Amino acid sequence: MIRIRYQTENKPSESGRSIEAHEDGLDPIRVEALAFDWDGGDLRHLGCLMAKLGLDLATAIRVFLNGQPERFNYLDCYEVPLEHTARVALLDCLHKKISCGFYLPDPNIGLGPVREEAGYWLARQSEDRKQGQQGRWVFDETRLETISDVAPRPILIAPKARPKSSLLRTLFEPIWLHS
């Protein structure tokens, strides 16, 4: 088996800033994924970054939208230009991971940073449905709309009322159930 080692260097991102480990309180993998250059970067490296556990759903959606999926959304797999097949394959992979629940929402922010852009994508998706067509990447609208952008609230659960113990139940019930 051949292992490919990727060199990561501090390149300026699209906004002119360099990728630093804890910029804006983000972990380095998230910062690197968000600042990835889809046109000039190594897509295999982005694929490895996005396969890491712990990335949140908002980051995954932002990276997906940074890949400009609207350019290829209505193309059949045979119509995609050869120079963009790797990009489309990575977008396919990201879409599948987002749709199946590989990325979970951050409980503190939900979809806050990308809710508006995701809303535009979902609106175009519903317009397509009204016109009787469907793009390549379709997200479950109800699943994304139910994610709250509000920080988690404590859930209060009433304690279970234990049945009054009888002598036989006390004798035959395992000791570890008595708490």
N, C-alpha and C. Protein backbone atom coordinates (compact mmCIF):
# COMPACT_ATOMS: atom_id res chain seq x y z
N MET A 1 0.84 -1.17 0.00
CA MET A 1 0.00 0.00 0.00
C MET A 1 0.89 1.24 0.00
N ILE A 2 0.59 2.18 -0.85
CA ILE A 2 1.36 3.41 -0.96
C ILE A 2 0.70 4.48 -0.11
N ARG A 3 1.49 5.12 0.73
CA ARG A 3 0.98 6.21 1.55
C ARG A 3 1.44 7.53 0.94
N ILE A 4 0.53 8.45 0.86
CA ILE A 4 0.86 9.77 0.33
C ILE A 4 0.91 10.74 1.49
N ARG A 5 2.01 11.41 1.63
CA ARG A 5 2.14 12.39 2.70
C ARG A 5 1.94 13.77 2.10
N TYR A 6 1.10 14.55 2.73
CA TYR A 6 0.79 15.89 2.23
C TYR A 6 1.55 16.92 3.03
N GLN A 7 2.15 17.83 2.32
CA GLN A 7 2.82 18.94 2.96
C GLN A 7 1.82 20.09 3.06
N THR A 8 1.65 20.61 4.24
CA THR A 8 0.78 21.77 4.39
C THR A 8 1.65 22.96 4.71
N GLU A 9 1.48 23.99 3.99
CA GLU A 9 2.25 25.19 4.21
C GLU A 9 1.28 26.34 4.44
N ASN A 10 1.75 27.38 5.05
CA ASN A 10 0.91 28.53 5.32
C ASN A 10 0.79 29.37 4.06
N LYS A 11 -0.31 29.17 3.36
CA LYS A 11 -0.59 29.96 2.16
C LYS A 11 -1.62 31.01 2.52
N PRO A 12 -1.57 32.17 1.90
CA PRO A 12 -2.62 33.13 2.17
C PRO A 12 -3.94 32.62 1.62
N SER A 13 -4.97 32.80 2.40
CA SER A 13 -6.29 32.37 1.95
C SER A 13 -6.87 33.41 1.02
N GLU A 14 -8.11 33.15 0.58
CA GLU A 14 -8.74 34.06 -0.38
C GLU A 14 -8.90 35.47 0.18
N SER A 15 -9.05 35.57 1.50
CA SER A 15 -9.25 36.89 2.08
C SER A 15 -7.93 37.59 2.40
N GLY A 16 -6.79 36.97 2.05
CA GLY A 16 -5.50 37.61 2.26
C GLY A 16 -4.87 37.27 3.60
N ARG A 17 -5.54 36.49 4.43
CA ARG A 17 -4.98 36.12 5.72
C ARG A 17 -4.25 34.80 5.59
N SER A 18 -3.28 34.58 6.46
CA SER A 18 -2.61 33.28 6.44
C SER A 18 -3.36 32.32 7.35
N ILE A 19 -3.17 31.04 7.08
CA ILE A 19 -3.84 30.02 7.87
C ILE A 19 -3.04 29.82 9.15
N GLU A 20 -3.64 30.13 10.26
CA GLU A 20 -2.98 29.94 11.54
C GLU A 20 -3.82 28.99 12.38
N ALA A 21 -3.18 28.35 13.34
CA ALA A 21 -3.81 27.26 14.07
C ALA A 21 -5.08 27.67 14.81
N HIS A 22 -5.05 28.75 15.53
CA HIS A 22 -6.23 29.08 16.33
C HIS A 22 -6.79 30.45 15.97
N GLU A 23 -6.87 30.73 14.72
CA GLU A 23 -7.42 31.99 14.24
C GLU A 23 -8.92 32.00 14.54
N ASP A 24 -9.40 33.01 15.18
CA ASP A 24 -10.80 33.16 15.55
C ASP A 24 -11.29 32.02 16.44
N GLY A 25 -10.39 31.37 17.16
CA GLY A 25 -10.80 30.30 18.06
C GLY A 25 -11.15 29.00 17.36
N LEU A 26 -10.81 28.84 16.11
CA LEU A 26 -11.12 27.63 15.36
C LEU A 26 -9.94 26.67 15.41
N ASP A 27 -10.24 25.39 15.31
CA ASP A 27 -9.14 24.43 15.27
C ASP A 27 -8.46 24.49 13.91
N PRO A 28 -7.21 24.05 13.81
CA PRO A 28 -6.45 24.22 12.57
C PRO A 28 -7.04 23.47 11.38
N ILE A 29 -7.65 22.32 11.60
CA ILE A 29 -8.24 21.57 10.49
C ILE A 29 -9.39 22.34 9.88
N ARG A 30 -10.22 22.91 10.73
CA ARG A 30 -11.37 23.68 10.24
C ARG A 30 -10.90 24.93 9.49
N VAL A 31 -9.91 25.61 10.03
CA VAL A 31 -9.38 26.82 9.37
C VAL A 31 -8.82 26.47 8.00
N GLU A 32 -8.07 25.37 7.94
CA GLU A 32 -7.46 24.97 6.67
C GLU A 32 -8.52 24.56 5.65
N ALA A 33 -9.56 23.86 6.11
CA ALA A 33 -10.63 23.44 5.20
C ALA A 33 -11.41 24.64 4.67
N LEU A 34 -11.67 25.62 5.54
CA LEU A 34 -12.42 26.80 5.11
C LEU A 34 -11.62 27.68 4.16
N ALA A 35 -10.30 27.70 4.31
CA ALA A 35 -9.46 28.56 3.48
C ALA A 35 -8.92 27.84 2.25
N PHE A 36 -9.37 26.62 2.00
CA PHE A 36 -8.83 25.82 0.89
C PHE A 36 -9.13 26.49 -0.45
N ASP A 37 -8.14 26.47 -1.33
CA ASP A 37 -8.27 27.03 -2.68
C ASP A 37 -8.72 25.91 -3.62
N TRP A 38 -10.00 25.92 -4.01
CA TRP A 38 -10.57 24.87 -4.84
C TRP A 38 -9.97 24.85 -6.25
N ASP A 39 -9.48 25.98 -6.72
CA ASP A 39 -8.96 26.04 -8.09
C ASP A 39 -7.50 25.61 -8.18
N GLY A 40 -6.71 25.89 -7.17
CA GLY A 40 -5.29 25.58 -7.26
C GLY A 40 -4.79 24.57 -6.25
N GLY A 41 -5.61 24.22 -5.27
CA GLY A 41 -5.16 23.31 -4.22
C GLY A 41 -5.29 21.84 -4.61
N ASP A 42 -4.67 20.99 -3.80
CA ASP A 42 -4.74 19.55 -4.01
C ASP A 42 -6.03 19.03 -3.40
N LEU A 43 -6.95 18.59 -4.23
CA LEU A 43 -8.26 18.15 -3.76
C LEU A 43 -8.17 16.90 -2.89
N ARG A 44 -7.12 16.10 -3.08
CA ARG A 44 -6.94 14.93 -2.21
C ARG A 44 -6.69 15.37 -0.78
N HIS A 45 -5.98 16.46 -0.63
CA HIS A 45 -5.71 16.99 0.71
C HIS A 45 -7.00 17.46 1.37
N LEU A 46 -7.84 18.15 0.62
CA LEU A 46 -9.13 18.58 1.18
C LEU A 46 -9.98 17.37 1.53
N GLY A 47 -9.95 16.34 0.71
CA GLY A 47 -10.69 15.12 1.01
C GLY A 47 -10.24 14.50 2.33
N CYS A 48 -8.92 14.51 2.56
CA CYS A 48 -8.40 13.99 3.84
C CYS A 48 -8.83 14.87 5.00
N LEU A 49 -8.82 16.17 4.81
CA LEU A 49 -9.25 17.08 5.88
C LEU A 49 -10.72 16.86 6.23
N MET A 50 -11.55 16.70 5.21
CA MET A 50 -12.99 16.57 5.44
C MET A 50 -13.37 15.19 5.95
N ALA A 51 -12.46 14.25 5.93
CA ALA A 51 -12.74 12.91 6.46
C ALA A 51 -12.48 12.83 7.96
N LYS A 52 -11.96 13.89 8.55
CA LYS A 52 -11.66 13.89 9.98
C LYS A 52 -12.95 13.97 10.79
N LEU A 53 -12.98 13.21 11.86
CA LEU A 53 -14.11 13.29 12.77
C LEU A 53 -14.00 14.58 13.57
N GLY A 54 -15.11 15.14 13.92
CA GLY A 54 -15.11 16.34 14.74
C GLY A 54 -15.41 17.62 13.99
N LEU A 55 -15.40 17.59 12.67
CA LEU A 55 -15.79 18.78 11.92
C LEU A 55 -17.30 18.95 12.04
N ASP A 56 -17.74 20.17 12.16
CA ASP A 56 -19.17 20.41 12.34
C ASP A 56 -19.88 20.59 11.00
N LEU A 57 -21.19 20.54 11.05
CA LEU A 57 -22.02 20.60 9.85
C LEU A 57 -21.90 21.95 9.14
N ALA A 58 -21.83 23.04 9.89
CA ALA A 58 -21.71 24.37 9.28
C ALA A 58 -20.42 24.48 8.47
N THR A 59 -19.33 23.93 8.99
CA THR A 59 -18.06 23.94 8.25
C THR A 59 -18.17 23.12 6.98
N ALA A 60 -18.79 21.95 7.08
CA ALA A 60 -18.92 21.07 5.90
C ALA A 60 -19.77 21.74 4.82
N ILE A 61 -20.85 22.39 5.22
CA ILE A 61 -21.70 23.08 4.24
C ILE A 61 -20.95 24.25 3.61
N ARG A 62 -20.20 24.99 4.42
CA ARG A 62 -19.42 26.12 3.90
C ARG A 62 -18.37 25.62 2.89
N VAL A 63 -17.67 24.54 3.20
CA VAL A 63 -16.67 23.99 2.28
C VAL A 63 -17.36 23.52 1.01
N PHE A 64 -18.51 22.86 1.14
CA PHE A 64 -19.27 22.41 -0.03
C PHE A 64 -19.65 23.60 -0.92
N LEU A 65 -20.16 24.67 -0.32
CA LEU A 65 -20.56 25.84 -1.09
C LEU A 65 -19.36 26.60 -1.66
N ASN A 66 -18.21 26.53 -0.99
CA ASN A 66 -16.99 27.15 -1.52
C ASN A 66 -16.54 26.47 -2.81
N GLY A 67 -16.92 25.22 -3.01
CA GLY A 67 -16.55 24.48 -4.21
C GLY A 67 -17.37 24.84 -5.43
N GLN A 68 -18.26 25.81 -5.31
CA GLN A 68 -19.13 26.28 -6.40
C GLN A 68 -19.92 25.14 -7.05
N PRO A 69 -20.73 24.45 -6.26
CA PRO A 69 -21.48 23.31 -6.81
C PRO A 69 -22.54 23.72 -7.82
N GLU A 70 -22.96 24.98 -7.80
CA GLU A 70 -24.00 25.42 -8.75
C GLU A 70 -23.52 25.32 -10.20
N ARG A 71 -22.21 25.34 -10.43
CA ARG A 71 -21.68 25.22 -11.79
C ARG A 71 -21.92 23.83 -12.38
N PHE A 72 -21.99 22.82 -11.52
CA PHE A 72 -22.07 21.44 -11.99
C PHE A 72 -23.36 20.74 -11.57
N ASN A 73 -24.26 21.46 -10.92
CA ASN A 73 -25.44 20.83 -10.33
C ASN A 73 -26.36 20.18 -11.35
N TYR A 74 -26.41 20.69 -12.56
CA TYR A 74 -27.35 20.16 -13.56
C TYR A 74 -26.64 19.38 -14.67
N LEU A 75 -25.36 19.09 -14.47
CA LEU A 75 -24.61 18.32 -15.47
C LEU A 75 -24.65 16.84 -15.12
N ASP A 76 -24.82 16.00 -16.12
CA ASP A 76 -24.72 14.57 -15.94
C ASP A 76 -23.25 14.23 -15.70
N CYS A 77 -22.98 13.09 -15.11
CA CYS A 77 -21.58 12.74 -14.80
C CYS A 77 -20.72 12.65 -16.06
N TYR A 78 -21.34 12.37 -17.20
CA TYR A 78 -20.57 12.28 -18.45
C TYR A 78 -20.37 13.65 -19.11
N GLU A 79 -21.08 14.66 -18.65
CA GLU A 79 -20.96 16.00 -19.22
C GLU A 79 -19.95 16.87 -18.49
N VAL A 80 -19.47 16.41 -17.33
CA VAL A 80 -18.52 17.20 -16.55
C VAL A 80 -17.19 17.25 -17.29
N PRO A 81 -16.63 18.46 -17.49
CA PRO A 81 -15.33 18.55 -18.16
C PRO A 81 -14.26 17.78 -17.39
N LEU A 82 -13.34 17.21 -18.10
CA LEU A 82 -12.33 16.33 -17.52
C LEU A 82 -11.54 17.02 -16.41
N GLU A 83 -11.23 18.30 -16.58
CA GLU A 83 -10.43 19.00 -15.58
C GLU A 83 -11.20 19.24 -14.28
N HIS A 84 -12.52 19.03 -14.29
CA HIS A 84 -13.32 19.26 -13.08
C HIS A 84 -13.87 17.97 -12.47
N THR A 85 -13.48 16.81 -12.98
CA THR A 85 -14.03 15.56 -12.46
C THR A 85 -13.63 15.32 -11.01
N ALA A 86 -12.42 15.68 -10.62
CA ALA A 86 -11.99 15.49 -9.23
C ALA A 86 -12.79 16.40 -8.31
N ARG A 87 -13.04 17.63 -8.74
CA ARG A 87 -13.84 18.57 -7.94
C ARG A 87 -15.25 18.03 -7.75
N VAL A 88 -15.86 17.55 -8.82
CA VAL A 88 -17.23 17.04 -8.75
C VAL A 88 -17.28 15.78 -7.89
N ALA A 89 -16.26 14.94 -7.98
CA ALA A 89 -16.21 13.73 -7.14
C ALA A 89 -16.12 14.11 -5.67
N LEU A 90 -15.34 15.13 -5.35
CA LEU A 90 -15.24 15.58 -3.96
C LEU A 90 -16.55 16.21 -3.50
N LEU A 91 -17.19 16.98 -4.37
CA LEU A 91 -18.50 17.54 -4.02
C LEU A 91 -19.52 16.43 -3.80
N ASP A 92 -19.47 15.38 -4.62
CA ASP A 92 -20.35 14.22 -4.41
C ASP A 92 -20.12 13.60 -3.04
N CYS A 93 -18.87 13.44 -2.70
CA CYS A 93 -18.51 12.84 -1.41
C CYS A 93 -18.98 13.72 -0.25
N LEU A 94 -18.75 15.02 -0.34
CA LEU A 94 -19.20 15.93 0.71
C LEU A 94 -20.72 15.91 0.84
N HIS A 95 -21.42 15.89 -0.29
CA HIS A 95 -22.88 15.85 -0.26
C HIS A 95 -23.37 14.59 0.44
N LYS A 96 -22.77 13.45 0.12
CA LYS A 96 -23.18 12.20 0.77
C LYS A 96 -22.93 12.24 2.26
N LYS A 97 -21.78 12.77 2.67
CA LYS A 97 -21.47 12.84 4.10
C LYS A 97 -22.40 13.80 4.83
N ILE A 98 -22.72 14.92 4.20
CA ILE A 98 -23.64 15.88 4.82
C ILE A 98 -25.02 15.26 4.93
N SER A 99 -25.47 14.59 3.88
CA SER A 99 -26.82 14.02 3.85
C SER A 99 -26.99 12.85 4.81
N CYS A 100 -25.96 12.05 4.98
CA CYS A 100 -26.11 10.85 5.82
C CYS A 100 -25.87 11.14 7.29
N GLY A 101 -25.41 12.33 7.64
CA GLY A 101 -25.24 12.68 9.04
C GLY A 101 -23.83 12.47 9.57
N PHE A 102 -22.84 12.40 8.70
CA PHE A 102 -21.45 12.26 9.15
C PHE A 102 -21.02 13.49 9.94
N TYR A 103 -21.46 14.66 9.49
CA TYR A 103 -21.14 15.91 10.18
C TYR A 103 -22.33 16.29 11.05
N LEU A 104 -22.06 16.56 12.31
CA LEU A 104 -23.12 16.95 13.24
C LEU A 104 -23.03 18.45 13.48
N PRO A 105 -24.17 19.09 13.74
CA PRO A 105 -24.12 20.53 14.01
C PRO A 105 -23.44 20.82 15.34
N ASP A 106 -22.71 21.90 15.38
CA ASP A 106 -22.11 22.35 16.63
C ASP A 106 -23.25 22.84 17.52
N PRO A 107 -23.38 22.31 18.74
CA PRO A 107 -24.52 22.70 19.57
C PRO A 107 -24.54 24.17 19.95
N ASN A 108 -23.40 24.83 19.89
CA ASN A 108 -23.36 26.25 20.27
C ASN A 108 -23.75 27.19 19.14
N ILE A 109 -23.54 26.79 17.88
CA ILE A 109 -23.83 27.71 16.77
C ILE A 109 -24.83 27.17 15.77
N GLY A 110 -25.07 25.87 15.75
CA GLY A 110 -26.01 25.30 14.78
C GLY A 110 -25.50 25.53 13.37
N LEU A 111 -26.37 26.09 12.53
CA LEU A 111 -25.98 26.44 11.15
C LEU A 111 -25.81 27.94 10.99
N GLY A 112 -25.74 28.67 12.08
CA GLY A 112 -25.70 30.12 12.07
C GLY A 112 -24.89 30.77 10.97
N PRO A 113 -23.59 30.44 10.84
CA PRO A 113 -22.77 31.13 9.85
C PRO A 113 -23.14 30.85 8.39
N VAL A 114 -23.80 29.73 8.12
CA VAL A 114 -24.10 29.38 6.73
C VAL A 114 -25.59 29.22 6.47
N ARG A 115 -26.41 29.59 7.42
CA ARG A 115 -27.85 29.37 7.26
C ARG A 115 -28.40 30.12 6.04
N GLU A 116 -27.95 31.34 5.80
CA GLU A 116 -28.46 32.13 4.68
C GLU A 116 -28.09 31.49 3.33
N GLU A 117 -26.81 31.12 3.17
CA GLU A 117 -26.39 30.49 1.91
C GLU A 117 -27.06 29.14 1.71
N ALA A 118 -27.19 28.37 2.78
CA ALA A 118 -27.88 27.08 2.68
C ALA A 118 -29.35 27.31 2.34
N GLY A 119 -29.93 28.40 2.85
CA GLY A 119 -31.31 28.74 2.52
C GLY A 119 -31.49 29.04 1.04
N TYR A 120 -30.51 29.73 0.45
CA TYR A 120 -30.57 29.99 -1.00
C TYR A 120 -30.52 28.68 -1.79
N TRP A 121 -29.66 27.77 -1.36
CA TRP A 121 -29.54 26.48 -2.04
C TRP A 121 -30.86 25.72 -1.93
N LEU A 122 -31.46 25.71 -0.74
CA LEU A 122 -32.72 24.99 -0.54
C LEU A 122 -33.86 25.65 -1.31
N ALA A 123 -33.83 26.99 -1.42
CA ALA A 123 -34.87 27.69 -2.20
C ALA A 123 -34.77 27.32 -3.68
N ARG A 124 -33.55 27.28 -4.21
CA ARG A 124 -33.37 26.87 -5.61
C ARG A 124 -33.81 25.42 -5.81
N GLN A 125 -33.57 24.62 -4.81
CA GLN A 125 -33.96 23.22 -4.86
C GLN A 125 -35.48 23.07 -4.93
N SER A 126 -36.20 23.87 -4.13
CA SER A 126 -37.67 23.80 -4.17
C SER A 126 -38.22 24.38 -5.48
N GLU A 127 -37.55 25.40 -6.03
CA GLU A 127 -37.95 25.93 -7.34
C GLU A 127 -37.77 24.86 -8.42
N ASP A 128 -36.68 24.13 -8.35
CA ASP A 128 -36.46 23.03 -9.30
C ASP A 128 -37.57 21.99 -9.20
N ARG A 129 -37.95 21.68 -7.97
CA ARG A 129 -39.00 20.69 -7.77
C ARG A 129 -40.31 21.15 -8.38
N LYS A 130 -40.61 22.45 -8.26
CA LYS A 130 -41.84 23.00 -8.85
C LYS A 130 -41.81 22.92 -10.37
N GLN A 131 -40.62 23.04 -10.95
CA GLN A 131 -40.47 22.98 -12.40
C GLN A 131 -40.31 21.55 -12.90
N GLY A 132 -40.30 20.59 -11.99
CA GLY A 132 -40.21 19.19 -12.39
C GLY A 132 -38.81 18.71 -12.71
N GLN A 133 -37.81 19.38 -12.19
CA GLN A 133 -36.43 18.94 -12.42
C GLN A 133 -35.72 18.80 -11.09
N GLN A 134 -34.57 18.17 -11.14
CA GLN A 134 -33.81 17.95 -9.91
C GLN A 134 -32.33 18.07 -10.23
N GLY A 135 -31.61 18.76 -9.36
CA GLY A 135 -30.18 18.90 -9.53
C GLY A 135 -29.44 17.66 -9.05
N ARG A 136 -28.15 17.71 -9.17
CA ARG A 136 -27.31 16.59 -8.77
C ARG A 136 -27.25 16.43 -7.26
N TRP A 137 -27.19 17.54 -6.53
CA TRP A 137 -27.03 17.51 -5.08
C TRP A 137 -28.28 18.08 -4.43
N VAL A 138 -29.09 17.20 -3.86
CA VAL A 138 -30.35 17.58 -3.22
C VAL A 138 -30.22 17.27 -1.73
N PHE A 139 -30.49 18.27 -0.91
CA PHE A 139 -30.44 18.10 0.54
C PHE A 139 -31.85 17.97 1.09
N ASP A 140 -31.97 17.29 2.22
CA ASP A 140 -33.24 17.14 2.91
C ASP A 140 -33.55 18.45 3.63
N GLU A 141 -34.53 19.17 3.13
CA GLU A 141 -34.83 20.51 3.66
C GLU A 141 -35.29 20.46 5.11
N THR A 142 -36.14 19.49 5.44
CA THR A 142 -36.66 19.43 6.81
C THR A 142 -35.55 19.15 7.80
N ARG A 143 -34.58 18.38 7.40
CA ARG A 143 -33.48 18.05 8.30
C ARG A 143 -32.63 19.29 8.60
N LEU A 144 -32.33 20.08 7.58
CA LEU A 144 -31.50 21.26 7.80
C LEU A 144 -32.26 22.39 8.48
N GLU A 145 -33.56 22.51 8.21
CA GLU A 145 -34.33 23.59 8.80
C GLU A 145 -34.62 23.37 10.28
N THR A 146 -34.57 22.12 10.74
CA THR A 146 -34.86 21.87 12.15
C THR A 146 -33.67 22.12 13.06
N ILE A 147 -32.50 22.35 12.49
CA ILE A 147 -31.31 22.59 13.30
C ILE A 147 -31.39 24.01 13.86
N SER A 148 -31.33 24.10 15.16
CA SER A 148 -31.47 25.38 15.83
C SER A 148 -30.13 26.11 15.88
N ASP A 149 -30.20 27.43 15.77
CA ASP A 149 -29.00 28.26 15.89
C ASP A 149 -28.83 28.78 17.32
N VAL A 150 -29.76 28.41 18.18
CA VAL A 150 -29.72 28.86 19.57
C VAL A 150 -28.90 27.86 20.38
N ALA A 151 -28.13 28.36 21.33
CA ALA A 151 -27.33 27.48 22.17
C ALA A 151 -28.23 26.48 22.89
N PRO A 152 -27.71 25.33 23.25
CA PRO A 152 -28.55 24.30 23.87
C PRO A 152 -29.10 24.74 25.22
N ARG A 153 -30.30 24.31 25.46
CA ARG A 153 -30.95 24.58 26.74
C ARG A 153 -31.00 23.29 27.52
N PRO A 154 -30.93 23.36 28.84
CA PRO A 154 -30.99 22.13 29.62
C PRO A 154 -32.38 21.49 29.50
N ILE A 155 -32.38 20.20 29.39
CA ILE A 155 -33.64 19.47 29.30
C ILE A 155 -33.96 18.94 30.69
N LEU A 156 -35.10 19.34 31.19
CA LEU A 156 -35.51 18.90 32.51
C LEU A 156 -36.44 17.70 32.37
N ILE A 157 -36.07 16.63 33.03
CA ILE A 157 -36.87 15.42 32.98
C ILE A 157 -37.29 15.09 34.40
N ALA A 158 -38.58 14.82 34.57
CA ALA A 158 -39.08 14.45 35.89
C ALA A 158 -38.52 13.08 36.26
N PRO A 159 -38.12 12.91 37.52
CA PRO A 159 -37.60 11.60 37.92
C PRO A 159 -38.68 10.53 37.81
N LYS A 160 -38.25 9.33 37.45
CA LYS A 160 -39.19 8.22 37.33
C LYS A 160 -39.67 7.80 38.72
N ALA A 161 -40.94 7.60 38.82
CA ALA A 161 -41.48 7.11 40.09
C ALA A 161 -41.24 5.60 40.15
N ARG A 162 -40.52 5.17 41.17
CA ARG A 162 -40.24 3.74 41.31
C ARG A 162 -41.44 3.06 41.95
N PRO A 163 -41.78 1.89 41.44
CA PRO A 163 -42.90 1.18 42.07
C PRO A 163 -42.55 0.78 43.49
N LYS A 164 -43.57 0.74 44.31
CA LYS A 164 -43.35 0.36 45.70
C LYS A 164 -42.85 -1.08 45.72
N SER A 165 -41.76 -1.27 46.37
CA SER A 165 -41.11 -2.56 46.36
C SER A 165 -41.81 -3.55 47.28
N SER A 166 -42.05 -4.73 46.75
CA SER A 166 -42.62 -5.79 47.58
C SER A 166 -41.49 -6.66 48.10
N LEU A 167 -41.80 -7.53 49.01
CA LEU A 167 -40.78 -8.39 49.60
C LEU A 167 -40.17 -9.32 48.56
N LEU A 168 -41.00 -9.92 47.69
CA LEU A 168 -40.48 -10.83 46.67
C LEU A 168 -39.63 -10.09 45.64
N ARG A 169 -40.06 -8.89 45.23
CA ARG A 169 -39.28 -8.11 44.27
C ARG A 169 -37.93 -7.75 44.88
N THR A 170 -37.91 -7.38 46.14
CA THR A 170 -36.67 -7.02 46.81
C THR A 170 -35.73 -8.21 46.90
N LEU A 171 -36.27 -9.38 47.14
CA LEU A 171 -35.43 -10.57 47.28
C LEU A 171 -34.86 -11.04 45.95
N PHE A 172 -35.65 -10.94 44.88
CA PHE A 172 -35.21 -11.51 43.60
C PHE A 172 -34.64 -10.49 42.61
N GLU A 173 -34.69 -9.23 42.93
CA GLU A 173 -34.13 -8.21 42.05
C GLU A 173 -32.62 -8.14 42.26
N PRO A 174 -31.83 -8.06 41.18
CA PRO A 174 -30.37 -7.99 41.35
C PRO A 174 -29.98 -6.77 42.17
N ILE A 175 -28.91 -6.92 42.90
CA ILE A 175 -28.49 -5.88 43.84
C ILE A 175 -28.04 -4.61 43.14
N TRP A 176 -27.50 -4.70 41.92
CA TRP A 176 -26.99 -3.50 41.22
C TRP A 176 -28.11 -2.61 40.71
N LEU A 177 -29.35 -3.10 40.73
CA LEU A 177 -30.46 -2.26 40.31
C LEU A 177 -30.93 -1.35 41.43
N HIS A 178 -30.52 -1.61 42.66
CA HIS A 178 -30.89 -0.74 43.78
C HIS A 178 -29.92 0.43 43.82
N SER A 179 -30.42 1.59 43.51
CA SER A 179 -29.53 2.75 43.54
C SER A 179 -30.12 3.86 44.35
